[in-house]
Amino acid sequence: MKILKVILVVLTALIIINAIQPKVEAASLSFDDMKSRLDTWKNTGKNKGNASVSGDDMKNIIVPIANILTAIGVFVLVSVTIIMGIKYMFATPDEAAKLKQQLIGLVVSAVVVLGATAIWKIVYNVLKSTGI
């Protein structure tokens, strides 16, 4: 029964990782490409208001960084979940109760990390619709 739980956790983690894979454009950007886009964006802002920064410009800069941070966050969440699952399987009843309390923090962290992508999409769509 415990092996089944571990298998389910691993499968769920793999599904989450596959669901948030970055798009081909963001994945194909190298560090130098991201740096050159960031430099271009900064220089555009230094023109003392003569040029505006569009939502697409911000998207091109922030999306690759957000994808990297989200992937790191998901990796950490999966690792911590696996570790907590293994500890729970071998824990005494008192230790299991403490692990259940720690699980609340893990769930909150998962909501924040996985919700960050949704929050970004909402903010981007609102700014794009207002023409800012």
C-alpha atoms as a PDB file:
ATOM      1  CA  MET A   1       0.000   0.000   0.000  1.00  0.00           C
ATOM      2  CA  LYS A   2       2.851   2.385   0.807  1.00  0.00           C
ATOM      3  CA  ILE A   3       4.530   1.619  -2.505  1.00  0.00           C
ATOM      4  CA  LEU A   4       1.307   2.568  -4.258  1.00  0.00           C
ATOM      5  CA  LYS A   5       1.306   5.937  -2.460  1.00  0.00           C
ATOM      6  CA  VAL A   6       4.897   6.607  -3.504  1.00  0.00           C
ATOM      7  CA  ILE A   7       4.103   5.691  -7.113  1.00  0.00           C
ATOM      8  CA  LEU A   8       1.086   8.014  -7.096  1.00  0.00           C
ATOM      9  CA  VAL A   9       3.159  10.888  -5.713  1.00  0.00           C
ATOM     10  CA  VAL A  10       5.843  10.374  -8.350  1.00  0.00           C
ATOM     11  CA  LEU A  11       3.276  10.180 -11.158  1.00  0.00           C
ATOM     12  CA  THR A  12       1.560  13.331  -9.911  1.00  0.00           C
ATOM     13  CA  ALA A  13       4.900  15.133  -9.808  1.00  0.00           C
ATOM     14  CA  LEU A  14       5.690  14.070 -13.370  1.00  0.00           C
ATOM     15  CA  ILE A  15       2.294  15.283 -14.555  1.00  0.00           C
ATOM     16  CA  ILE A  16       2.841  18.664 -12.889  1.00  0.00           C
ATOM     17  CA  ILE A  17       6.306  19.018 -14.378  1.00  0.00           C
ATOM     18  CA  ASN A  18       5.055  18.171 -17.866  1.00  0.00           C
ATOM     19  CA  ALA A  19       2.118  20.558 -17.527  1.00  0.00           C
ATOM     20  CA  ILE A  20       4.298  23.598 -16.866  1.00  0.00           C
ATOM     21  CA  GLN A  21       7.039  23.025 -19.384  1.00  0.00           C
ATOM     22  CA  PRO A  22       8.045  26.321 -20.979  1.00  0.00           C
ATOM     23  CA  LYS A  23       7.031  27.045 -24.518  1.00  0.00           C
ATOM     24  CA  VAL A  24       9.503  26.390 -27.322  1.00  0.00           C
ATOM     25  CA  GLU A  25      10.326  30.094 -27.723  1.00  0.00           C
ATOM     26  CA  ALA A  26      11.219  30.568 -24.055  1.00  0.00           C
ATOM     27  CA  ALA A  27      13.098  27.276 -23.899  1.00  0.00           C
ATOM     28  CA  SER A  28      15.184  28.148 -26.953  1.00  0.00           C
ATOM     29  CA  LEU A  29      16.461  31.415 -25.463  1.00  0.00           C
ATOM     30  CA  SER A  30      20.012  31.286 -24.250  1.00  0.00           C
ATOM     31  CA  PHE A  31      21.329  33.381 -21.401  1.00  0.00           C
ATOM     32  CA  ASP A  32      22.950  35.771 -23.887  1.00  0.00           C
ATOM     33  CA  ASP A  33      19.627  36.231 -25.721  1.00  0.00           C
ATOM     34  CA  MET A  34      17.846  36.982 -22.459  1.00  0.00           C
ATOM     35  CA  LYS A  35      20.594  39.448 -21.460  1.00  0.00           C
ATOM     36  CA  SER A  36      20.483  41.245 -24.814  1.00  0.00           C
ATOM     37  CA  ARG A  37      16.685  41.550 -24.601  1.00  0.00           C
ATOM     38  CA  LEU A  38      16.986  42.898 -21.074  1.00  0.00           C
ATOM     39  CA  ASP A  39      19.625  45.433 -22.150  1.00  0.00           C
ATOM     40  CA  THR A  40      17.433  46.548 -25.048  1.00  0.00           C
ATOM     41  CA  TRP A  41      14.490  46.917 -22.690  1.00  0.00           C
ATOM     42  CA  LYS A  42      16.545  48.953 -20.197  1.00  0.00           C
ATOM     43  CA  ASN A  43      17.862  51.241 -22.943  1.00  0.00           C
ATOM     44  CA  THR A  44      14.336  51.819 -24.195  1.00  0.00           C
ATOM     45  CA  GLY A  45      13.360  53.003 -20.721  1.00  0.00           C
ATOM     46  CA  LYS A  46      16.335  55.381 -20.566  1.00  0.00           C
ATOM     47  CA  ASN A  47      14.955  57.420 -23.480  1.00  0.00           C
ATOM     48  CA  LYS A  48      13.173  59.611 -20.920  1.00  0.00           C
ATOM     49  CA  GLY A  49       9.685  58.602 -21.903  1.00  0.00           C
ATOM     50  CA  ASN A  50      10.124  58.940 -25.660  1.00  0.00           C
ATOM     51  CA  ALA A  51       9.471  55.228 -26.100  1.00  0.00           C
ATOM     52  CA  SER A  52       6.947  53.178 -24.222  1.00  0.00           C
ATOM     53  CA  VAL A  53       7.403  49.617 -23.079  1.00  0.00           C
ATOM     54  CA  SER A  54       4.649  47.380 -24.308  1.00  0.00           C
ATOM     55  CA  GLY A  55       3.202  44.329 -22.644  1.00  0.00           C
ATOM     56  CA  ASP A  56       4.849  42.158 -25.276  1.00  0.00           C
ATOM     57  CA  ASP A  57       8.258  43.586 -24.371  1.00  0.00           C
ATOM     58  CA  MET A  58       7.696  42.785 -20.717  1.00  0.00           C
ATOM     59  CA  LYS A  59       6.434  39.334 -21.625  1.00  0.00           C
ATOM     60  CA  ASN A  60       9.558  38.593 -23.670  1.00  0.00           C
ATOM     61  CA  ILE A  61      11.761  39.505 -20.722  1.00  0.00           C
ATOM     62  CA  ILE A  62       9.823  38.090 -17.790  1.00  0.00           C
ATOM     63  CA  VAL A  63       8.444  34.830 -19.222  1.00  0.00           C
ATOM     64  CA  PRO A  64      11.806  33.018 -19.522  1.00  0.00           C
ATOM     65  CA  ILE A  65      12.787  34.082 -16.017  1.00  0.00           C
ATOM     66  CA  ALA A  66       9.389  33.080 -14.631  1.00  0.00           C
ATOM     67  CA  ASN A  67       9.591  29.696 -16.344  1.00  0.00           C
ATOM     68  CA  ILE A  68      13.009  29.023 -14.828  1.00  0.00           C
ATOM     69  CA  LEU A  69      11.849  30.038 -11.347  1.00  0.00           C
ATOM     70  CA  THR A  70       8.661  27.984 -11.655  1.00  0.00           C
ATOM     71  CA  ALA A  71      10.615  24.905 -12.761  1.00  0.00           C
ATOM     72  CA  ILE A  72      12.976  25.290  -9.795  1.00  0.00           C
ATOM     73  CA  GLY A  73      10.002  25.726  -7.454  1.00  0.00           C
ATOM     74  CA  VAL A  74       8.261  22.630  -8.782  1.00  0.00           C
ATOM     75  CA  PHE A  75      11.470  20.607  -8.468  1.00  0.00           C
ATOM     76  CA  VAL A  76      11.830  21.685  -4.837  1.00  0.00           C
ATOM     77  CA  LEU A  77       8.162  20.941  -4.126  1.00  0.00           C
ATOM     78  CA  VAL A  78       8.409  17.462  -5.622  1.00  0.00           C
ATOM     79  CA  SER A  79      11.623  16.744  -3.740  1.00  0.00           C
ATOM     80  CA  VAL A  80      10.193  17.893  -0.412  1.00  0.00           C
ATOM     81  CA  THR A  81       6.986  15.940  -1.023  1.00  0.00           C
ATOM     82  CA  ILE A  82       8.933  12.754  -1.699  1.00  0.00           C
ATOM     83  CA  ILE A  83      11.097  13.275   1.374  1.00  0.00           C
ATOM     84  CA  MET A  84       8.077  13.962   3.576  1.00  0.00           C
ATOM     85  CA  GLY A  85       6.314  10.900   2.156  1.00  0.00           C
ATOM     86  CA  ILE A  86       9.257   8.671   2.967  1.00  0.00           C
ATOM     87  CA  LYS A  87       9.520  10.134   6.469  1.00  0.00           C
ATOM     88  CA  TYR A  88       5.785   9.618   6.977  1.00  0.00           C
ATOM     89  CA  MET A  89       5.997   5.970   5.968  1.00  0.00           C
ATOM     90  CA  PHE A  90       8.617   5.259   8.620  1.00  0.00           C
ATOM     91  CA  ALA A  91       7.360   7.656  11.301  1.00  0.00           C
ATOM     92  CA  THR A  92       5.909   6.836  14.679  1.00  0.00           C
ATOM     93  CA  PRO A  93       2.410   8.183  15.368  1.00  0.00           C
ATOM     94  CA  ASP A  94       3.798  11.280  17.135  1.00  0.00           C
ATOM     95  CA  GLU A  95       6.207  12.043  14.297  1.00  0.00           C
ATOM     96  CA  ALA A  96       3.429  11.438  11.764  1.00  0.00           C
ATOM     97  CA  ALA A  97       1.291  14.058  13.517  1.00  0.00           C
ATOM     98  CA  LYS A  98       4.134  16.596  13.284  1.00  0.00           C
ATOM     99  CA  LEU A  99       4.608  15.797   9.591  1.00  0.00           C
ATOM    100  CA  LYS A 100       0.918  16.411   8.978  1.00  0.00           C
ATOM    101  CA  GLN A 101       1.333  19.886  10.493  1.00  0.00           C
ATOM    102  CA  GLN A 102       4.297  20.541   8.186  1.00  0.00           C
ATOM    103  CA  LEU A 103       2.182  19.427   5.256  1.00  0.00           C
ATOM    104  CA  ILE A 104       0.141  22.625   5.596  1.00  0.00           C
ATOM    105  CA  GLY A 105       3.222  24.683   4.752  1.00  0.00           C
ATOM    106  CA  LEU A 106       3.959  22.426   1.801  1.00  0.00           C
ATOM    107  CA  VAL A 107       0.441  22.873   0.430  1.00  0.00           C
ATOM    108  CA  VAL A 108       0.638  26.665   0.814  1.00  0.00           C
ATOM    109  CA  SER A 109       4.005  26.660  -0.964  1.00  0.00           C
ATOM    110  CA  ALA A 110       2.577  24.565  -3.785  1.00  0.00           C
ATOM    111  CA  VAL A 111      -0.335  26.972  -4.218  1.00  0.00           C
ATOM    112  CA  VAL A 112       2.031  29.960  -4.354  1.00  0.00           C
ATOM    113  CA  VAL A 113       4.485  28.368  -6.795  1.00  0.00           C
ATOM    114  CA  LEU A 114       1.864  26.928  -9.108  1.00  0.00           C
ATOM    115  CA  GLY A 115      -0.418  29.936  -8.735  1.00  0.00           C
ATOM    116  CA  ALA A 116       2.351  32.314  -9.786  1.00  0.00           C
ATOM    117  CA  THR A 117       1.909  31.354 -13.421  1.00  0.00           C
ATOM    118  CA  ALA A 118      -1.833  31.972 -13.240  1.00  0.00           C
ATOM    119  CA  ILE A 119      -1.317  35.314 -11.485  1.00  0.00           C
ATOM    120  CA  TRP A 120       1.170  36.388 -14.167  1.00  0.00           C
ATOM    121  CA  LYS A 121      -1.271  35.491 -16.943  1.00  0.00           C
ATOM    122  CA  ILE A 122      -4.061  37.452 -15.256  1.00  0.00           C
ATOM    123  CA  VAL A 123      -1.866  40.543 -14.763  1.00  0.00           C
ATOM    124  CA  TYR A 124      -0.561  40.343 -18.335  1.00  0.00           C
ATOM    125  CA  ASN A 125      -4.057  40.036 -19.828  1.00  0.00           C
ATOM    126  CA  VAL A 126      -5.402  42.915 -17.722  1.00  0.00           C
ATOM    127  CA  LEU A 127      -2.515  45.198 -18.694  1.00  0.00           C
ATOM    128  CA  LYS A 128      -2.792  44.183 -22.334  1.00  0.00           C
ATOM    129  CA  SER A 129      -6.537  44.848 -22.410  1.00  0.00           C
ATOM    130  CA  THR A 130      -6.121  48.317 -20.888  1.00  0.00           C
ATOM    131  CA  GLY A 131      -3.451  49.250 -23.423  1.00  0.00           C
ATOM    132  CA  ILE A 132      -0.761  50.032 -20.863  1.00  0.00           C
END
